[in-house]
Each structure stands twice: as C-alpha cells, then as structure tokens.
Amino acid sequence: MTRPPTPPFQTVYGTPQPLDWLCLAPHPDDAEIGAGGTLIQLAQAGRGVGVLELSRGERGTQGTPDLRVQECARAAHIMGLSWRGNLGLRDGELTDTPEAAHALAAALRAVRPRVLVVPHHQDRHPDHFGTYQLARRAVHLAQLRKADLDGEPWRVSRTLLYQGNADIQPDLLIDVGEVQDQWEAAIRAHESQFTGQVVSETVTPEIIERRRARQSYWGTLARVRYAEAFEAEGALLVDPLAL
C-alpha cells in the first residue's frame, strides 16, 4: 500500500483541504493585519479560506514560536478559517531559493487555492518582499506536470497583493465594515505582539488604531466606512453590470 506524501507544512488549525482563498503570511499575524477583514468576510460567506505562515516568527522580539502557534490557532477560530498551517522556513531569511520554492509549491498542490493573497513586493520588510518573490516561483512550479513535486499539478487562478508596511496603489478595495469586531478580536488574539512595549510600527499596542486608520482612508475612496486594499497581479476582468 502506497503511503500518501508527507505534507511540507505543520497544520495549526483545521484540516488541509481545497481552498477558495489562501493568504501567505511571512510571520504569524501578518495575514490578520493585511487582509484579515477580507478573509473573515469570505469565511462568513461560506468560502474555504486558509492562511499559511512561512515562518514561526522565531526571531521576533516578543513571544516564543510555541506561544505564537497557539495565538494563530485562536485567531483562526475567531476568523472562521477552514485551515491554517506553517511552512517552517527560517524567520529573517525568507527568499526565493529552490528548496523553499519547492516546499511552498507542494503546499499549494496540497490545498489547491483558487485565489492566492501575498505581501506586496514594495514592502520594506525583507521577509515580506522575499515572500512575494518566493510565491511567484512556487505558483509557477505548482502547475508544472514535470516538476519534482508530490501531488497533482495546480494552477492558481488569481494572485492579489496586500498592504504591509508601505503604501500601495490598489486597484481593488473590499468593504470590511461589517466585520470590524471579528477583525479586531483576531488581531488581539496575538497578545504576545500587541501588548507591552512598542517594538516597531507593527509590533505595538496601537496596531488596531493604526491599521483602522488605513482602512478608513481606503474606505473613504470607496465611499464606505472601512476597506482593505489589494493590488492584482494581472488585469481584473469586471462585469460592467456590477459597476
């Protein structure tokens, strides 16, 4: 009897399964900060939504890897995610290497996302723009029938870029006003990062206030209270009747 291939990731919450949307996060909490409202809204609508952390955030000033895994599981429950996993790459060294790309491509084949959400390539954090470059290679590898990977080939239909620590020029705004309570609770689940001393512009007790200000700005442009901003890789096909 042939054993199924060993998955290249640790499951933190839920069960690996085909997903409608998958968000790649360089570190625990990045998905909530950059795209949490959208992910929550999709999950509430019954879509299969997942998050894959690429590292355990082991070099972060606050918290421990084990504690951060627990926080990720709590946040996943609040968000209603179908699955959350961790690829176990080295924090601070996320970049486009063959080994990392093959691991991520195998993960994409395992959970088969239709839409992939990744950090923007103009982000100031090296792990964030490194994740973008890594994702591009992994998406390509995952669809190649002759790639040296477990699982059946899989083609991601759409890649969206989310805002991290730098400004972006979005071509897609999503109204997240109805899920503000859940979004805030999901971020606060990462207690080790958002209580205590201020470490950076993101590791701070003021994270909710700062990120909500961004959502308010994007919401103003979209004529709603709060919105999250994304940039599409490639042109978006829009139904004119929906405009």
Protein backbone atom coordinates (compact mmCIF):
# COMPACT_ATOMS: atom_id res chain seq x y z
CA MET A 1 0.00 0.00 0.00
CA THR A 2 1.42 3.39 -1.02
CA ARG A 3 1.58 5.97 1.75
CA PRO A 4 0.35 9.48 0.98
CA PRO A 5 3.14 12.07 0.67
CA THR A 6 4.19 13.82 3.86
CA PRO A 7 2.87 17.38 3.76
CA PRO A 8 5.58 20.07 3.73
CA PHE A 9 3.84 22.03 6.47
CA GLN A 10 2.57 21.83 10.04
CA THR A 11 -1.19 22.15 10.42
CA VAL A 12 -2.01 24.69 13.13
CA TYR A 13 -5.80 24.71 12.79
CA GLY A 14 -8.40 22.77 10.83
CA THR A 15 -7.75 20.20 8.12
CA PRO A 16 -5.82 20.60 4.85
CA GLN A 17 -8.40 20.86 2.08
CA PRO A 18 -9.02 22.60 -1.26
CA LEU A 19 -9.43 26.32 -0.58
CA ASP A 20 -11.07 29.20 -2.37
CA TRP A 21 -8.62 31.72 -0.89
CA LEU A 22 -5.19 31.22 0.70
CA CYS A 23 -3.23 34.05 2.31
CA LEU A 24 0.55 33.68 2.61
CA ALA A 25 1.97 35.35 5.72
CA PRO A 26 5.72 35.74 6.28
CA HIS A 27 5.13 35.70 10.06
CA PRO A 28 2.25 34.95 12.44
CA ASP A 29 -0.26 37.88 12.50
CA ASP A 30 0.68 39.32 9.06
CA ALA A 31 -2.47 37.88 7.46
CA GLU A 32 -4.76 39.41 10.07
CA ILE A 33 -3.11 42.82 9.78
CA GLY A 34 -3.02 42.99 5.99
CA ALA A 35 -6.06 41.04 4.83
CA GLY A 36 -7.93 39.86 7.93
CA GLY A 37 -11.20 41.64 7.26
CA THR A 38 -11.48 40.22 3.77
CA LEU A 39 -10.63 36.69 4.94
CA ILE A 40 -13.23 36.88 7.71
CA GLN A 41 -15.89 38.15 5.32
CA LEU A 42 -15.20 35.34 2.87
CA ALA A 43 -15.31 32.72 5.63
CA GLN A 44 -18.65 34.07 6.83
CA ALA A 45 -19.95 33.72 3.27
CA GLY A 46 -19.10 30.01 3.34
CA ARG A 47 -15.90 30.10 1.28
CA GLY A 48 -12.95 27.88 2.07
CA VAL A 49 -10.34 30.26 3.47
CA GLY A 50 -6.86 29.48 4.76
CA VAL A 51 -3.64 31.07 5.97
CA LEU A 52 -0.14 29.65 5.56
CA GLU A 53 2.60 31.21 7.66
CA LEU A 54 6.00 30.75 6.06
CA SER A 55 7.92 31.09 9.34
CA ARG A 56 7.19 30.74 13.05
CA GLY A 57 8.39 34.26 13.83
CA GLU A 58 11.15 32.80 15.99
CA ARG A 59 13.37 35.86 15.72
CA GLY A 60 10.71 38.27 16.88
CA THR A 61 11.47 40.35 19.98
CA GLN A 62 8.35 39.25 21.83
CA GLY A 63 6.74 35.83 22.31
CA THR A 64 8.03 32.35 21.53
CA PRO A 65 7.36 30.12 18.50
CA ASP A 66 5.15 27.78 20.54
CA LEU A 67 3.15 30.66 22.00
CA ARG A 68 2.69 32.21 18.58
CA VAL A 69 1.36 28.94 17.17
CA GLN A 70 -1.25 28.92 19.95
CA GLU A 71 -2.16 32.52 19.13
CA CYS A 72 -2.52 31.62 15.45
CA ALA A 73 -4.94 28.82 16.31
CA ARG A 74 -7.06 31.17 18.45
CA ALA A 75 -7.12 33.77 15.70
CA ALA A 76 -8.05 31.13 13.10
CA HIS A 77 -11.06 30.11 15.21
CA ILE A 78 -12.18 33.73 15.53
CA MET A 79 -11.82 34.26 11.78
CA GLY A 80 -13.65 31.08 10.86
CA LEU A 81 -10.76 29.74 8.78
CA SER A 82 -11.02 26.30 7.22
CA TRP A 83 -7.30 25.68 7.68
CA ARG A 84 -4.14 27.31 8.94
CA GLY A 85 -0.63 25.97 8.54
CA ASN A 86 3.05 26.82 8.93
CA LEU A 87 5.76 26.02 6.39
CA GLY A 88 8.58 26.25 8.95
CA LEU A 89 11.05 28.33 6.93
CA ARG A 90 13.61 30.45 8.80
CA ASP A 91 12.40 33.78 10.10
CA GLY A 92 14.52 36.60 8.72
CA GLU A 93 15.69 34.54 5.74
CA LEU A 94 12.58 34.26 3.57
CA THR A 95 13.75 34.45 -0.01
CA ASP A 96 13.38 32.73 -3.35
CA THR A 97 15.51 29.60 -3.02
CA PRO A 98 14.86 26.30 -4.85
CA GLU A 99 14.27 24.45 -1.58
CA ALA A 100 11.77 26.99 -0.24
CA ALA A 101 10.01 27.28 -3.58
CA HIS A 102 9.56 23.52 -3.85
CA ALA A 103 8.17 23.35 -0.30
CA LEU A 104 5.69 26.14 -0.98
CA ALA A 105 4.71 24.69 -4.36
CA ALA A 106 3.99 21.34 -2.70
CA ALA A 107 1.82 23.13 -0.14
CA LEU A 108 -0.10 24.85 -2.95
CA ARG A 109 -0.73 21.48 -4.53
CA ALA A 110 -1.98 20.14 -1.20
CA VAL A 111 -4.57 22.88 -0.51
CA ARG A 112 -5.23 23.95 -4.14
CA PRO A 113 -6.23 27.60 -3.65
CA ARG A 114 -8.13 29.39 -6.39
CA VAL A 115 -7.02 32.85 -5.18
CA LEU A 116 -3.62 33.44 -3.56
CA VAL A 117 -3.01 36.55 -1.41
CA VAL A 118 0.62 37.57 -0.83
CA PRO A 119 2.56 40.55 0.57
CA HIS A 120 3.27 43.42 -1.79
CA HIS A 121 6.71 43.45 -3.42
CA GLN A 122 7.28 47.09 -2.40
CA ASP A 123 7.03 46.30 1.30
CA ARG A 124 10.01 47.50 3.34
CA HIS A 125 10.46 44.25 5.31
CA PRO A 126 12.87 41.82 3.56
CA ASP A 127 10.78 38.80 4.58
CA HIS A 128 7.69 40.37 3.03
CA PHE A 129 9.12 41.12 -0.40
CA GLY A 130 11.04 37.86 -0.16
CA THR A 131 7.71 36.06 0.29
CA TYR A 132 6.37 37.76 -2.83
CA GLN A 133 9.31 36.56 -4.94
CA LEU A 134 9.12 33.08 -3.43
CA ALA A 135 5.39 32.88 -4.14
CA ARG A 136 5.89 33.77 -7.80
CA ARG A 137 8.27 30.84 -8.32
CA ALA A 138 6.12 28.45 -6.27
CA VAL A 139 2.97 29.31 -8.25
CA HIS A 140 4.88 28.53 -11.45
CA LEU A 141 6.31 25.26 -10.12
CA ALA A 142 2.99 24.04 -8.73
CA GLN A 143 1.43 23.98 -12.20
CA LEU A 144 4.26 22.12 -13.95
CA ARG A 145 3.41 18.48 -14.57
CA LYS A 146 7.09 17.52 -14.75
CA ALA A 147 8.16 19.39 -11.61
CA ASP A 148 9.80 17.21 -8.97
CA LEU A 149 6.89 17.59 -6.53
CA ASP A 150 4.34 15.44 -4.77
CA GLY A 151 0.70 15.92 -5.65
CA GLU A 152 -1.18 16.78 -8.81
CA PRO A 153 -0.31 19.99 -10.70
CA TRP A 154 -2.33 23.02 -9.64
CA ARG A 155 -2.78 26.42 -11.30
CA VAL A 156 -3.65 29.40 -9.09
CA SER A 157 -6.29 31.45 -10.90
CA ARG A 158 -5.59 34.85 -9.34
CA THR A 159 -2.87 36.44 -7.19
CA LEU A 160 -3.62 39.52 -5.09
CA LEU A 161 -1.09 41.62 -3.17
CA TYR A 162 -1.94 43.01 0.27
CA GLN A 163 -0.58 46.06 2.07
CA GLY A 164 2.08 45.59 4.70
CA ASN A 165 4.46 48.31 5.88
CA ALA A 166 4.49 50.51 2.79
CA ASP A 167 1.99 52.42 0.70
CA ILE A 168 0.48 50.76 -2.38
CA GLN A 169 -1.57 51.84 -5.39
CA PRO A 170 -4.53 49.45 -5.13
CA ASP A 171 -6.86 48.50 -7.93
CA LEU A 172 -9.19 46.54 -5.65
CA LEU A 173 -10.90 47.76 -2.45
CA ILE A 174 -13.03 45.45 -0.30
CA ASP A 175 -15.62 46.74 2.17
CA VAL A 176 -14.81 45.27 5.61
CA GLY A 177 -17.04 47.48 7.73
CA GLU A 178 -19.34 44.65 8.79
CA VAL A 179 -16.55 42.52 10.30
CA GLN A 180 -14.64 45.07 12.35
CA ASP A 181 -15.36 43.36 15.68
CA GLN A 182 -14.09 40.00 14.47
CA TRP A 183 -11.08 41.56 12.77
CA GLU A 184 -10.08 43.36 15.96
CA ALA A 185 -10.57 40.21 18.05
CA ALA A 186 -8.42 38.18 15.63
CA ILE A 187 -5.56 40.67 15.88
CA ARG A 188 -5.85 40.83 19.67
CA ALA A 189 -5.52 37.04 19.75
CA HIS A 190 -1.82 37.67 19.04
CA GLU A 191 -1.42 39.01 22.55
CA SER A 192 2.34 38.50 22.72
CA GLN A 193 2.85 41.01 19.91
CA PHE A 194 0.31 43.70 20.68
CA THR A 195 0.64 44.24 24.42
CA GLY A 196 3.60 45.61 26.32
CA GLN A 197 6.39 47.67 24.82
CA VAL A 198 6.46 49.24 21.38
CA VAL A 199 8.96 47.31 19.24
CA SER A 200 8.14 48.55 15.73
CA GLU A 201 5.43 50.23 13.69
CA THR A 202 3.51 46.93 13.67
CA VAL A 203 4.54 45.31 16.98
CA THR A 204 2.75 47.84 19.15
CA PRO A 205 -0.38 48.10 21.31
CA GLU A 206 -1.52 50.79 18.84
CA ILE A 207 -1.81 48.32 15.95
CA ILE A 208 -5.62 48.40 15.81
CA GLU A 209 -5.74 52.19 15.78
CA ARG A 210 -3.04 52.45 13.12
CA ARG A 211 -4.45 49.84 10.77
CA ARG A 212 -8.02 51.02 11.19
CA ALA A 213 -6.85 54.48 10.09
CA ARG A 214 -5.65 52.91 6.84
CA GLN A 215 -8.94 51.08 6.42
CA SER A 216 -10.78 54.35 6.99
CA TYR A 217 -8.70 56.07 4.30
CA TRP A 218 -9.35 53.35 1.73
CA GLY A 219 -12.99 53.28 2.79
CA THR A 220 -13.28 57.00 2.06
CA LEU A 221 -12.12 56.38 -1.50
CA ALA A 222 -14.65 53.55 -1.88
CA ARG A 223 -17.44 55.53 -0.15
CA VAL A 224 -17.75 53.01 2.68
CA ARG A 225 -16.66 53.19 6.33
CA TYR A 226 -13.71 50.79 6.19
CA ALA A 227 -11.98 48.96 3.31
CA GLU A 228 -8.93 46.78 2.73
CA ALA A 229 -6.71 47.47 -0.27
CA PHE A 230 -5.23 44.99 -2.74
CA GLU A 231 -3.29 45.13 -5.98
CA ALA A 232 -3.95 42.49 -8.62
CA GLU A 233 -1.22 40.61 -10.45
CA GLY A 234 -2.59 40.95 -13.96
CA ALA A 235 -5.69 42.65 -15.28
CA LEU A 236 -9.00 42.16 -13.49
CA LEU A 237 -11.98 41.12 -15.60
CA VAL A 238 -15.01 43.04 -14.33
CA ASP A 239 -18.67 42.58 -15.20
CA PRO A 240 -19.83 46.06 -16.30
CA LEU A 241 -23.31 45.31 -14.97
CA ALA A 242 -21.79 45.11 -11.48
CA LEU A 243 -20.38 48.63 -11.69
